[in-house]
Amino acid sequence: MKKLFKINFILAGITTILYTTIYLGLLFSIILGFAQVIMSLFILYNFKSLTQVTKALFILYLIPTAVVLTLIILDSYGNLDSLVEIIAFPMTLAFLHLYITYRIKNQK
């Protein structure tokens, strides 16, 4: 579980850099999102080994992520006119996930 942060850090960094060209950032955020969903399944499998604070943060991350994924599946998410829905909210979730993996890496 300690390597999750390194993978997440690299993917989040690449996505952030690519957002300087908005289009490439949007495309790469799909890869970041997919990787973070896979990491979340792994974290969920090892949920018992997390500290209480990390568990609370992870639940705080899972709820909006599940809502967004459900809306994407139902094709009801994302107004192209709203940068908050397309860029800001998903990247906020991505950075929260990055922080959670950082806490897991530093967990004793």
PDB file of N, CA and C in Angstrom:
ATOM      1  N   MET A   1       0.820  -1.195   0.000  1.00  0.00           N
ATOM      2  CA  MET A   1       0.000   0.000   0.000  1.00  0.00           C
ATOM      3  C   MET A   1       0.864   1.259   0.000  1.00  0.00           C
ATOM      4  N   LYS A   2       2.110   1.130   0.329  1.00  0.00           N
ATOM      5  CA  LYS A   2       2.992   2.295   0.400  1.00  0.00           C
ATOM      6  C   LYS A   2       3.306   2.861  -0.982  1.00  0.00           C
ATOM      7  N   LYS A   3       3.249   2.048  -2.024  1.00  0.00           N
ATOM      8  CA  LYS A   3       3.572   2.511  -3.372  1.00  0.00           C
ATOM      9  C   LYS A   3       2.413   3.262  -4.035  1.00  0.00           C
ATOM     10  N   LEU A   4       1.237   3.182  -3.439  1.00  0.00           N
ATOM     11  CA  LEU A   4       0.082   3.877  -4.008  1.00  0.00           C
ATOM     12  C   LEU A   4       0.329   5.373  -4.104  1.00  0.00           C
ATOM     13  N   PHE A   5       0.962   5.936  -3.073  1.00  0.00           N
ATOM     14  CA  PHE A   5       1.204   7.382  -3.083  1.00  0.00           C
ATOM     15  C   PHE A   5       2.118   7.774  -4.234  1.00  0.00           C
ATOM     16  N   LYS A   6       3.165   7.013  -4.450  1.00  0.00           N
ATOM     17  CA  LYS A   6       4.114   7.354  -5.513  1.00  0.00           C
ATOM     18  C   LYS A   6       3.433   7.324  -6.886  1.00  0.00           C
ATOM     19  N   ILE A   7       2.670   6.284  -7.139  1.00  0.00           N
ATOM     20  CA  ILE A   7       1.936   6.181  -8.410  1.00  0.00           C
ATOM     21  C   ILE A   7       0.938   7.329  -8.536  1.00  0.00           C
ATOM     22  N   ASN A   8       0.205   7.575  -7.467  1.00  0.00           N
ATOM     23  CA  ASN A   8      -0.802   8.630  -7.458  1.00  0.00           C
ATOM     24  C   ASN A   8      -0.162  10.009  -7.641  1.00  0.00           C
ATOM     25  N   PHE A   9       0.967  10.234  -6.986  1.00  0.00           N
ATOM     26  CA  PHE A   9       1.680  11.506  -7.076  1.00  0.00           C
ATOM     27  C   PHE A   9       2.133  11.784  -8.508  1.00  0.00           C
ATOM     28  N   ILE A  10       2.679  10.770  -9.148  1.00  0.00           N
ATOM     29  CA  ILE A  10       3.148  10.931 -10.526  1.00  0.00           C
ATOM     30  C   ILE A  10       1.978  11.215 -11.464  1.00  0.00           C
ATOM     31  N   LEU A  11       0.902  10.444 -11.347  1.00  0.00           N
ATOM     32  CA  LEU A  11      -0.258  10.652 -12.222  1.00  0.00           C
ATOM     33  C   LEU A  11      -0.928  12.012 -11.984  1.00  0.00           C
ATOM     34  N   ALA A  12      -1.054  12.414 -10.710  1.00  0.00           N
ATOM     35  CA  ALA A  12      -1.660  13.715 -10.404  1.00  0.00           C
ATOM     36  C   ALA A  12      -0.771  14.849 -10.895  1.00  0.00           C
ATOM     37  N   GLY A  13       0.539  14.680 -10.779  1.00  0.00           N
ATOM     38  CA  GLY A  13       1.469  15.694 -11.267  1.00  0.00           C
ATOM     39  C   GLY A  13       1.401  15.857 -12.779  1.00  0.00           C
ATOM     40  N   ILE A  14       1.367  14.740 -13.482  1.00  0.00           N
ATOM     41  CA  ILE A  14       1.262  14.791 -14.946  1.00  0.00           C
ATOM     42  C   ILE A  14      -0.044  15.459 -15.355  1.00  0.00           C
ATOM     43  N   THR A  15      -1.131  15.095 -14.688  1.00  0.00           N
ATOM     44  CA  THR A  15      -2.431  15.693 -15.007  1.00  0.00           C
ATOM     45  C   THR A  15      -2.412  17.194 -14.778  1.00  0.00           C
ATOM     46  N   THR A  16      -1.843  17.616 -13.652  1.00  0.00           N
ATOM     47  CA  THR A  16      -1.777  19.044 -13.334  1.00  0.00           C
ATOM     48  C   THR A  16      -0.958  19.798 -14.383  1.00  0.00           C
ATOM     49  N   ILE A  17       0.158  19.240 -14.782  1.00  0.00           N
ATOM     50  CA  ILE A  17       0.994  19.880 -15.802  1.00  0.00           C
ATOM     51  C   ILE A  17       0.249  19.936 -17.136  1.00  0.00           C
ATOM     52  N   LEU A  18      -0.421  18.861 -17.487  1.00  0.00           N
ATOM     53  CA  LEU A  18      -1.130  18.825 -18.766  1.00  0.00           C
ATOM     54  C   LEU A  18      -2.339  19.763 -18.797  1.00  0.00           C
ATOM     55  N   TYR A  19      -2.835  20.166 -17.628  1.00  0.00           N
ATOM     56  CA  TYR A  19      -3.944  21.118 -17.610  1.00  0.00           C
ATOM     57  C   TYR A  19      -3.536  22.496 -18.127  1.00  0.00           C
ATOM     58  N   THR A  20      -2.242  22.718 -18.341  1.00  0.00           N
ATOM     59  CA  THR A  20      -1.839  23.982 -18.963  1.00  0.00           C
ATOM     60  C   THR A  20      -2.344  24.057 -20.401  1.00  0.00           C
ATOM     61  N   THR A  21      -2.655  22.909 -20.977  1.00  0.00           N
ATOM     62  CA  THR A  21      -3.234  22.869 -22.323  1.00  0.00           C
ATOM     63  C   THR A  21      -4.665  22.361 -22.272  1.00  0.00           C
ATOM     64  N   ILE A  22      -5.366  22.601 -21.254  1.00  0.00           N
ATOM     65  CA  ILE A  22      -6.713  22.147 -20.907  1.00  0.00           C
ATOM     66  C   ILE A  22      -7.149  20.835 -21.570  1.00  0.00           C
ATOM     67  N   TYR A  23      -7.080  20.746 -22.884  1.00  0.00           N
ATOM     68  CA  TYR A  23      -7.547  19.548 -23.588  1.00  0.00           C
ATOM     69  C   TYR A  23      -6.773  18.300 -23.144  1.00  0.00           C
ATOM     70  N   LEU A  24      -5.445  18.382 -23.115  1.00  0.00           N
ATOM     71  CA  LEU A  24      -4.643  17.218 -22.706  1.00  0.00           C
ATOM     72  C   LEU A  24      -4.868  16.885 -21.230  1.00  0.00           C
ATOM     73  N   GLY A  25      -5.069  17.918 -20.415  1.00  0.00           N
ATOM     74  CA  GLY A  25      -5.367  17.690 -19.008  1.00  0.00           C
ATOM     75  C   GLY A  25      -6.671  16.948 -18.823  1.00  0.00           C
ATOM     76  N   LEU A  26      -7.677  17.334 -19.604  1.00  0.00           N
ATOM     77  CA  LEU A  26      -8.968  16.640 -19.533  1.00  0.00           C
ATOM     78  C   LEU A  26      -8.836  15.184 -19.954  1.00  0.00           C
ATOM     79  N   LEU A  27      -8.072  14.956 -20.998  1.00  0.00           N
ATOM     80  CA  LEU A  27      -7.884  13.570 -21.461  1.00  0.00           C
ATOM     81  C   LEU A  27      -7.129  12.736 -20.424  1.00  0.00           C
ATOM     82  N   PHE A  28      -6.066  13.306 -19.856  1.00  0.00           N
ATOM     83  CA  PHE A  28      -5.267  12.534 -18.901  1.00  0.00           C
ATOM     84  C   PHE A  28      -5.992  12.365 -17.575  1.00  0.00           C
ATOM     85  N   SER A  29      -6.930  13.263 -17.257  1.00  0.00           N
ATOM     86  CA  SER A  29      -7.671  13.109 -16.006  1.00  0.00           C
ATOM     87  C   SER A  29      -8.523  11.841 -16.022  1.00  0.00           C
ATOM     88  N   ILE A  30      -8.863  11.361 -17.215  1.00  0.00           N
ATOM     89  CA  ILE A  30      -9.584  10.081 -17.321  1.00  0.00           C
ATOM     90  C   ILE A  30      -8.683   8.945 -16.831  1.00  0.00           C
ATOM     91  N   ILE A  31      -7.416   8.985 -17.230  1.00  0.00           N
ATOM     92  CA  ILE A  31      -6.453   7.968 -16.784  1.00  0.00           C
ATOM     93  C   ILE A  31      -6.246   8.054 -15.280  1.00  0.00           C
ATOM     94  N   LEU A  32      -6.092   9.286 -14.787  1.00  0.00           N
ATOM     95  CA  LEU A  32      -5.931   9.489 -13.342  1.00  0.00           C
ATOM     96  C   LEU A  32      -7.148   8.958 -12.590  1.00  0.00           C
ATOM     97  N   GLY A  33      -8.335   9.271 -13.063  1.00  0.00           N
ATOM     98  CA  GLY A  33      -9.552   8.813 -12.406  1.00  0.00           C
ATOM     99  C   GLY A  33      -9.662   7.302 -12.377  1.00  0.00           C
ATOM    100  N   PHE A  34      -9.346   6.664 -13.503  1.00  0.00           N
ATOM    101  CA  PHE A  34      -9.389   5.202 -13.571  1.00  0.00           C
ATOM    102  C   PHE A  34      -8.394   4.599 -12.584  1.00  0.00           C
ATOM    103  N   ALA A  35      -7.178   5.142 -12.542  1.00  0.00           N
ATOM    104  CA  ALA A  35      -6.152   4.632 -11.632  1.00  0.00           C
ATOM    105  C   ALA A  35      -6.587   4.812 -10.172  1.00  0.00           C
ATOM    106  N   GLN A  36      -7.204   5.951  -9.874  1.00  0.00           N
ATOM    107  CA  GLN A  36      -7.626   6.196  -8.496  1.00  0.00           C
ATOM    108  C   GLN A  36      -8.797   5.306  -8.086  1.00  0.00           C
ATOM    109  N   VAL A  37      -9.657   4.973  -9.006  1.00  0.00           N
ATOM    110  CA  VAL A  37     -10.741   4.039  -8.687  1.00  0.00           C
ATOM    111  C   VAL A  37     -10.155   2.661  -8.372  1.00  0.00           C
ATOM    112  N   ILE A  38      -9.185   2.221  -9.158  1.00  0.00           N
ATOM    113  CA  ILE A  38      -8.521   0.936  -8.897  1.00  0.00           C
ATOM    114  C   ILE A  38      -7.805   0.970  -7.543  1.00  0.00           C
ATOM    115  N   MET A  39      -7.097   2.076  -7.268  1.00  0.00           N
ATOM    116  CA  MET A  39      -6.421   2.220  -5.974  1.00  0.00           C
ATOM    117  C   MET A  39      -7.430   2.207  -4.834  1.00  0.00           C
ATOM    118  N   SER A  40      -8.578   2.842  -5.038  1.00  0.00           N
ATOM    119  CA  SER A  40      -9.602   2.886  -3.996  1.00  0.00           C
ATOM    120  C   SER A  40     -10.144   1.501  -3.680  1.00  0.00           C
ATOM    121  N   LEU A  41     -10.273   0.672  -4.684  1.00  0.00           N
ATOM    122  CA  LEU A  41     -10.702  -0.708  -4.438  1.00  0.00           C
ATOM    123  C   LEU A  41      -9.674  -1.442  -3.593  1.00  0.00           C
ATOM    124  N   PHE A  42      -8.404  -1.204  -3.876  1.00  0.00           N
ATOM    125  CA  PHE A  42      -7.326  -1.819  -3.092  1.00  0.00           C
ATOM    126  C   PHE A  42      -7.342  -1.288  -1.656  1.00  0.00           C
ATOM    127  N   ILE A  43      -7.534   0.018  -1.492  1.00  0.00           N
ATOM    128  CA  ILE A  43      -7.605   0.613  -0.154  1.00  0.00           C
ATOM    129  C   ILE A  43      -8.830   0.071   0.592  1.00  0.00           C
ATOM    130  N   LEU A  44      -9.938  -0.047  -0.097  1.00  0.00           N
ATOM    131  CA  LEU A  44     -11.161  -0.571   0.515  1.00  0.00           C
ATOM    132  C   LEU A  44     -10.953  -2.001   1.000  1.00  0.00           C
ATOM    133  N   TYR A  45     -10.212  -2.784   0.236  1.00  0.00           N
ATOM    134  CA  TYR A  45      -9.905  -4.158   0.626  1.00  0.00           C
ATOM    135  C   TYR A  45      -9.084  -4.190   1.922  1.00  0.00           C
ATOM    136  N   ASN A  46      -8.213  -3.205   2.104  1.00  0.00           N
ATOM    137  CA  ASN A  46      -7.357  -3.115   3.297  1.00  0.00           C
ATOM    138  C   ASN A  46      -7.862  -2.079   4.292  1.00  0.00           C
ATOM    139  N   PHE A  47      -9.141  -1.809   4.286  1.00  0.00           N
ATOM    140  CA  PHE A  47      -9.734  -0.737   5.086  1.00  0.00           C
ATOM    141  C   PHE A  47      -9.452  -0.890   6.579  1.00  0.00           C
ATOM    142  N   LYS A  48      -9.442  -2.106   7.088  1.00  0.00           N
ATOM    143  CA  LYS A  48      -9.255  -2.332   8.524  1.00  0.00           C
ATOM    144  C   LYS A  48      -7.893  -1.876   9.027  1.00  0.00           C
ATOM    145  N   SER A  49      -6.904  -1.840   8.150  1.00  0.00           N
ATOM    146  CA  SER A  49      -5.557  -1.459   8.586  1.00  0.00           C
ATOM    147  C   SER A  49      -5.335   0.052   8.619  1.00  0.00           C
ATOM    148  N   LEU A  50      -6.332   0.837   8.231  1.00  0.00           N
ATOM    149  CA  LEU A  50      -6.196   2.296   8.210  1.00  0.00           C
ATOM    150  C   LEU A  50      -6.451   2.891   9.591  1.00  0.00           C
ATOM    151  N   THR A  51      -5.878   4.072   9.831  1.00  0.00           N
ATOM    152  CA  THR A  51      -6.160   4.793  11.068  1.00  0.00           C
ATOM    153  C   THR A  51      -7.573   5.373  10.998  1.00  0.00           C
ATOM    154  N   GLN A  52      -8.100   5.794  12.129  1.00  0.00           N
ATOM    155  CA  GLN A  52      -9.455   6.334  12.165  1.00  0.00           C
ATOM    156  C   GLN A  52      -9.599   7.575  11.290  1.00  0.00           C
ATOM    157  N   VAL A  53      -8.621   8.462  11.331  1.00  0.00           N
ATOM    158  CA  VAL A  53      -8.691   9.689  10.526  1.00  0.00           C
ATOM    159  C   VAL A  53      -8.656   9.351   9.041  1.00  0.00           C
ATOM    160  N   THR A  54      -7.799   8.427   8.662  1.00  0.00           N
ATOM    161  CA  THR A  54      -7.693   8.036   7.260  1.00  0.00           C
ATOM    162  C   THR A  54      -8.979   7.347   6.807  1.00  0.00           C
ATOM    163  N   LYS A  55      -9.570   6.552   7.671  1.00  0.00           N
ATOM    164  CA  LYS A  55     -10.857   5.921   7.342  1.00  0.00           C
ATOM    165  C   LYS A  55     -11.920   6.982   7.081  1.00  0.00           C
ATOM    166  N   ALA A  56     -11.975   7.992   7.953  1.00  0.00           N
ATOM    167  CA  ALA A  56     -12.965   9.063   7.790  1.00  0.00           C
ATOM    168  C   ALA A  56     -12.727   9.832   6.492  1.00  0.00           C
ATOM    169  N   LEU A  57     -11.479  10.140   6.190  1.00  0.00           N
ATOM    170  CA  LEU A  57     -11.154  10.840   4.942  1.00  0.00           C
ATOM    171  C   LEU A  57     -11.518   9.986   3.731  1.00  0.00           C
ATOM    172  N   PHE A  58     -11.260   8.700   3.822  1.00  0.00           N
ATOM    173  CA  PHE A  58     -11.548   7.813   2.699  1.00  0.00           C
ATOM    174  C   PHE A  58     -13.059   7.728   2.453  1.00  0.00           C
ATOM    175  N   ILE A  59     -13.836   7.664   3.521  1.00  0.00           N
ATOM    176  CA  ILE A  59     -15.296   7.657   3.368  1.00  0.00           C
ATOM    177  C   ILE A  59     -15.756   8.993   2.776  1.00  0.00           C
ATOM    178  N   LEU A  60     -15.150  10.088   3.235  1.00  0.00           N
ATOM    179  CA  LEU A  60     -15.458  11.407   2.691  1.00  0.00           C
ATOM    180  C   LEU A  60     -15.132  11.471   1.198  1.00  0.00           C
ATOM    181  N   TYR A  61     -14.124  10.754   0.775  1.00  0.00           N
ATOM    182  CA  TYR A  61     -13.756  10.689  -0.643  1.00  0.00           C
ATOM    183  C   TYR A  61     -14.714   9.775  -1.421  1.00  0.00           C
ATOM    184  N   LEU A  62     -15.087   8.654  -0.827  1.00  0.00           N
ATOM    185  CA  LEU A  62     -15.900   7.660  -1.539  1.00  0.00           C
ATOM    186  C   LEU A  62     -17.296   8.153  -1.894  1.00  0.00           C
ATOM    187  N   ILE A  63     -17.909   8.903  -1.009  1.00  0.00           N
ATOM    188  CA  ILE A  63     -19.300   9.326  -1.247  1.00  0.00           C
ATOM    189  C   ILE A  63     -19.422  10.199  -2.492  1.00  0.00           C
ATOM    190  N   PRO A  64     -18.699  11.332  -2.602  1.00  0.00           N
ATOM    191  CA  PRO A  64     -18.843  12.122  -3.831  1.00  0.00           C
ATOM    192  C   PRO A  64     -18.317  11.401  -5.071  1.00  0.00           C
ATOM    193  N   THR A  65     -17.308  10.562  -4.898  1.00  0.00           N
ATOM    194  CA  THR A  65     -16.791   9.812  -6.038  1.00  0.00           C
ATOM    195  C   THR A  65     -17.838   8.843  -6.567  1.00  0.00           C
ATOM    196  N   ALA A  66     -18.527   8.162  -5.671  1.00  0.00           N
ATOM    197  CA  ALA A  66     -19.590   7.241  -6.084  1.00  0.00           C
ATOM    198  C   ALA A  66     -20.719   7.996  -6.784  1.00  0.00           C
ATOM    199  N   VAL A  67     -21.043   9.179  -6.284  1.00  0.00           N
ATOM    200  CA  VAL A  67     -22.095   9.988  -6.912  1.00  0.00           C
ATOM    201  C   VAL A  67     -21.677  10.401  -8.318  1.00  0.00           C
ATOM    202  N   VAL A  68     -20.441  10.878  -8.459  1.00  0.00           N
ATOM    203  CA  VAL A  68     -19.946  11.301  -9.779  1.00  0.00           C
ATOM    204  C   VAL A  68     -19.903  10.123 -10.744  1.00  0.00           C
ATOM    205  N   LEU A  69     -19.402   8.985 -10.301  1.00  0.00           N
ATOM    206  CA  LEU A  69     -19.352   7.806 -11.174  1.00  0.00           C
ATOM    207  C   LEU A  69     -20.754   7.359 -11.599  1.00  0.00           C
ATOM    208  N   THR A  70     -21.698   7.416 -10.678  1.00  0.00           N
ATOM    209  CA  THR A  70     -23.078   7.061 -11.010  1.00  0.00           C
ATOM    210  C   THR A  70     -23.650   8.024 -12.041  1.00  0.00           C
ATOM    211  N   LEU A  71     -23.394   9.320 -11.863  1.00  0.00           N
ATOM    212  CA  LEU A  71     -23.885  10.310 -12.818  1.00  0.00           C
ATOM    213  C   LEU A  71     -23.234  10.139 -14.192  1.00  0.00           C
ATOM    214  N   ILE A  72     -21.961   9.774 -14.200  1.00  0.00           N
ATOM    215  CA  ILE A  72     -21.283   9.536 -15.481  1.00  0.00           C
ATOM    216  C   ILE A  72     -21.905   8.324 -16.176  1.00  0.00           C
ATOM    217  N   ILE A  73     -22.149   7.263 -15.425  1.00  0.00           N
ATOM    218  CA  ILE A  73     -22.752   6.064 -16.006  1.00  0.00           C
ATOM    219  C   ILE A  73     -24.151   6.363 -16.543  1.00  0.00           C
ATOM    220  N   LEU A  74     -24.892   7.203 -15.820  1.00  0.00           N
ATOM    221  CA  LEU A  74     -26.242   7.563 -16.261  1.00  0.00           C
ATOM    222  C   LEU A  74     -26.224   8.660 -17.323  1.00  0.00           C
ATOM    223  N   ASP A  75     -25.046   9.112 -17.695  1.00  0.00           N
ATOM    224  CA  ASP A  75     -24.859  10.165 -18.699  1.00  0.00           C
ATOM    225  C   ASP A  75     -25.559  11.462 -18.288  1.00  0.00           C
ATOM    226  N   SER A  76     -25.475  11.772 -16.998  1.00  0.00           N
ATOM    227  CA  SER A  76     -26.108  12.985 -16.474  1.00  0.00           C
ATOM    228  C   SER A  76     -25.095  13.949 -15.867  1.00  0.00           C
ATOM    229  N   TYR A  77     -23.812  13.688 -16.049  1.00  0.00           N
ATOM    230  CA  TYR A  77     -22.792  14.513 -15.397  1.00  0.00           C
ATOM    231  C   TYR A  77     -22.064  15.370 -16.414  1.00  0.00           C
ATOM    232  N   GLY A  78     -21.771  16.561 -16.007  1.00  0.00           N
ATOM    233  CA  GLY A  78     -20.883  17.404 -16.781  1.00  0.00           C
ATOM    234  C   GLY A  78     -21.555  18.288 -17.793  1.00  0.00           C
ATOM    235  N   ASN A  79     -21.675  19.523 -17.444  1.00  0.00           N
ATOM    236  CA  ASN A  79     -22.122  20.542 -18.369  1.00  0.00           C
ATOM    237  C   ASN A  79     -20.869  21.165 -18.956  1.00  0.00           C
ATOM    238  N   LEU A  80     -20.691  21.090 -20.242  1.00  0.00           N
ATOM    239  CA  LEU A  80     -19.458  21.578 -20.857  1.00  0.00           C
ATOM    240  C   LEU A  80     -19.222  23.065 -20.629  1.00  0.00           C
ATOM    241  N   ASP A  81     -20.261  23.783 -20.242  1.00  0.00           N
ATOM    242  CA  ASP A  81     -20.107  25.205 -19.963  1.00  0.00           C
ATOM    243  C   ASP A  81     -19.584  25.463 -18.553  1.00  0.00           C
ATOM    244  N   SER A  82     -19.549  24.452 -17.716  1.00  0.00           N
ATOM    245  CA  SER A  82     -19.165  24.625 -16.327  1.00  0.00           C
ATOM    246  C   SER A  82     -17.799  24.003 -16.056  1.00  0.00           C
ATOM    247  N   LEU A  83     -16.789  24.846 -15.889  1.00  0.00           N
ATOM    248  CA  LEU A  83     -15.446  24.361 -15.576  1.00  0.00           C
ATOM    249  C   LEU A  83     -15.382  23.734 -14.189  1.00  0.00           C
ATOM    250  N   VAL A  84     -16.276  24.150 -13.304  1.00  0.00           N
ATOM    251  CA  VAL A  84     -16.295  23.567 -11.961  1.00  0.00           C
ATOM    252  C   VAL A  84     -16.639  22.091 -12.046  1.00  0.00           C
ATOM    253  N   GLU A  85     -17.650  21.738 -12.841  1.00  0.00           N
ATOM    254  CA  GLU A  85     -18.058  20.341 -12.972  1.00  0.00           C
ATOM    255  C   GLU A  85     -17.043  19.512 -13.744  1.00  0.00           C
ATOM    256  N   ILE A  86     -16.398  20.115 -14.716  1.00  0.00           N
ATOM    257  CA  ILE A  86     -15.507  19.362 -15.590  1.00  0.00           C
ATOM    258  C   ILE A  86     -14.082  19.283 -15.039  1.00  0.00           C
ATOM    259  N   ILE A  87     -13.600  20.344 -14.399  1.00  0.00           N
ATOM    260  CA  ILE A  87     -12.200  20.377 -13.971  1.00  0.00           C
ATOM    261  C   ILE A  87     -12.053  20.473 -12.453  1.00  0.00           C
ATOM    262  N   ALA A  88     -12.640  21.484 -11.842  1.00  0.00           N
ATOM    263  CA  ALA A  88     -12.361  21.785 -10.433  1.00  0.00           C
ATOM    264  C   ALA A  88     -12.819  20.679  -9.476  1.00  0.00           C
ATOM    265  N   PHE A  89     -14.034  20.212  -9.598  1.00  0.00           N
ATOM    266  CA  PHE A  89     -14.541  19.199  -8.665  1.00  0.00           C
ATOM    267  C   PHE A  89     -13.783  17.871  -8.799  1.00  0.00           C
ATOM    268  N   PRO A  90     -13.584  17.342 -10.027  1.00  0.00           N
ATOM    269  CA  PRO A  90     -12.817  16.093 -10.130  1.00  0.00           C
ATOM    270  C   PRO A  90     -11.371  16.225  -9.643  1.00  0.00           C
ATOM    271  N   MET A  91     -10.737  17.368  -9.900  1.00  0.00           N
ATOM    272  CA  MET A  91      -9.357  17.537  -9.438  1.00  0.00           C
ATOM    273  C   MET A  91      -9.301  17.693  -7.919  1.00  0.00           C
ATOM    274  N   THR A  92     -10.326  18.280  -7.322  1.00  0.00           N
ATOM    275  CA  THR A  92     -10.381  18.356  -5.860  1.00  0.00           C
ATOM    276  C   THR A  92     -10.460  16.955  -5.273  1.00  0.00           C
ATOM    277  N   LEU A  93     -11.286  16.106  -5.872  1.00  0.00           N
ATOM    278  CA  LEU A  93     -11.359  14.711  -5.427  1.00  0.00           C
ATOM    279  C   LEU A  93     -10.029  13.993  -5.651  1.00  0.00           C
ATOM    280  N   ALA A  94      -9.372  14.289  -6.763  1.00  0.00           N
ATOM    281  CA  ALA A  94      -8.082  13.658  -7.059  1.00  0.00           C
ATOM    282  C   ALA A  94      -7.036  14.046  -6.015  1.00  0.00           C
ATOM    283  N   PHE A  95      -7.013  15.319  -5.628  1.00  0.00           N
ATOM    284  CA  PHE A  95      -6.040  15.751  -4.626  1.00  0.00           C
ATOM    285  C   PHE A  95      -6.392  15.227  -3.233  1.00  0.00           C
ATOM    286  N   LEU A  96      -7.672  15.055  -2.942  1.00  0.00           N
ATOM    287  CA  LEU A  96      -8.062  14.419  -1.682  1.00  0.00           C
ATOM    288  C   LEU A  96      -7.570  12.974  -1.668  1.00  0.00           C
ATOM    289  N   HIS A  97      -7.721  12.280  -2.778  1.00  0.00           N
ATOM    290  CA  HIS A  97      -7.230  10.901  -2.873  1.00  0.00           C
ATOM    291  C   HIS A  97      -5.705  10.866  -2.728  1.00  0.00           C
ATOM    292  N   LEU A  98      -5.030  11.838  -3.304  1.00  0.00           N
ATOM    293  CA  LEU A  98      -3.573  11.936  -3.166  1.00  0.00           C
ATOM    294  C   LEU A  98      -3.200  12.107  -1.695  1.00  0.00           C
ATOM    295  N   TYR A  99      -3.915  12.950  -0.979  1.00  0.00           N
ATOM    296  CA  TYR A  99      -3.650  13.155   0.443  1.00  0.00           C
ATOM    297  C   TYR A  99      -3.910  11.874   1.239  1.00  0.00           C
ATOM    298  N   ILE A 100      -4.954  11.151   0.896  1.00  0.00           N
ATOM    299  CA  ILE A 100      -5.252   9.896   1.592  1.00  0.00           C
ATOM    300  C   ILE A 100      -4.125   8.892   1.378  1.00  0.00           C
ATOM    301  N   THR A 101      -3.633   8.778   0.159  1.00  0.00           N
ATOM    302  CA  THR A 101      -2.524   7.842  -0.087  1.00  0.00           C
ATOM    303  C   THR A 101      -1.250   8.316   0.596  1.00  0.00           C
ATOM    304  N   TYR A 102      -1.077   9.626   0.730  1.00  0.00           N
ATOM    305  CA  TYR A 102       0.071  10.168   1.481  1.00  0.00           C
ATOM    306  C   TYR A 102      -0.020   9.751   2.936  1.00  0.00           C
ATOM    307  N   ARG A 103      -1.216   9.862   3.516  1.00  0.00           N
ATOM    308  CA  ARG A 103      -1.402   9.454   4.916  1.00  0.00           C
ATOM    309  C   ARG A 103      -1.144   7.947   5.087  1.00  0.00           C
ATOM    310  N   ILE A 104      -1.574   7.165   4.112  1.00  0.00           N
ATOM    311  CA  ILE A 104      -1.344   5.719   4.189  1.00  0.00           C
ATOM    312  C   ILE A 104       0.153   5.413   4.116  1.00  0.00           C
ATOM    313  N   LYS A 105       0.856   6.129   3.263  1.00  0.00           N
ATOM    314  CA  LYS A 105       2.309   5.924   3.126  1.00  0.00           C
ATOM    315  C   LYS A 105       3.025   6.219   4.435  1.00  0.00           C
ATOM    316  N   ASN A 106       2.587   7.251   5.148  1.00  0.00           N
ATOM    317  CA  ASN A 106       3.245   7.645   6.392  1.00  0.00           C
ATOM    318  C   ASN A 106       2.668   6.985   7.626  1.00  0.00           C
ATOM    319  N   GLN A 107       1.710   6.122   7.444  1.00  0.00           N
ATOM    320  CA  GLN A 107       1.077   5.425   8.559  1.00  0.00           C
ATOM    321  C   GLN A 107       2.045   4.417   9.152  1.00  0.00           C
ATOM    322  N   LYS A 108       2.044   4.313  10.458  1.00  0.00           N
ATOM    323  CA  LYS A 108       2.956   3.365  11.130  1.00  0.00           C
ATOM    324  C   LYS A 108       2.356   1.989  11.208  1.00  0.00           C
TER     325      LYS A 108
END
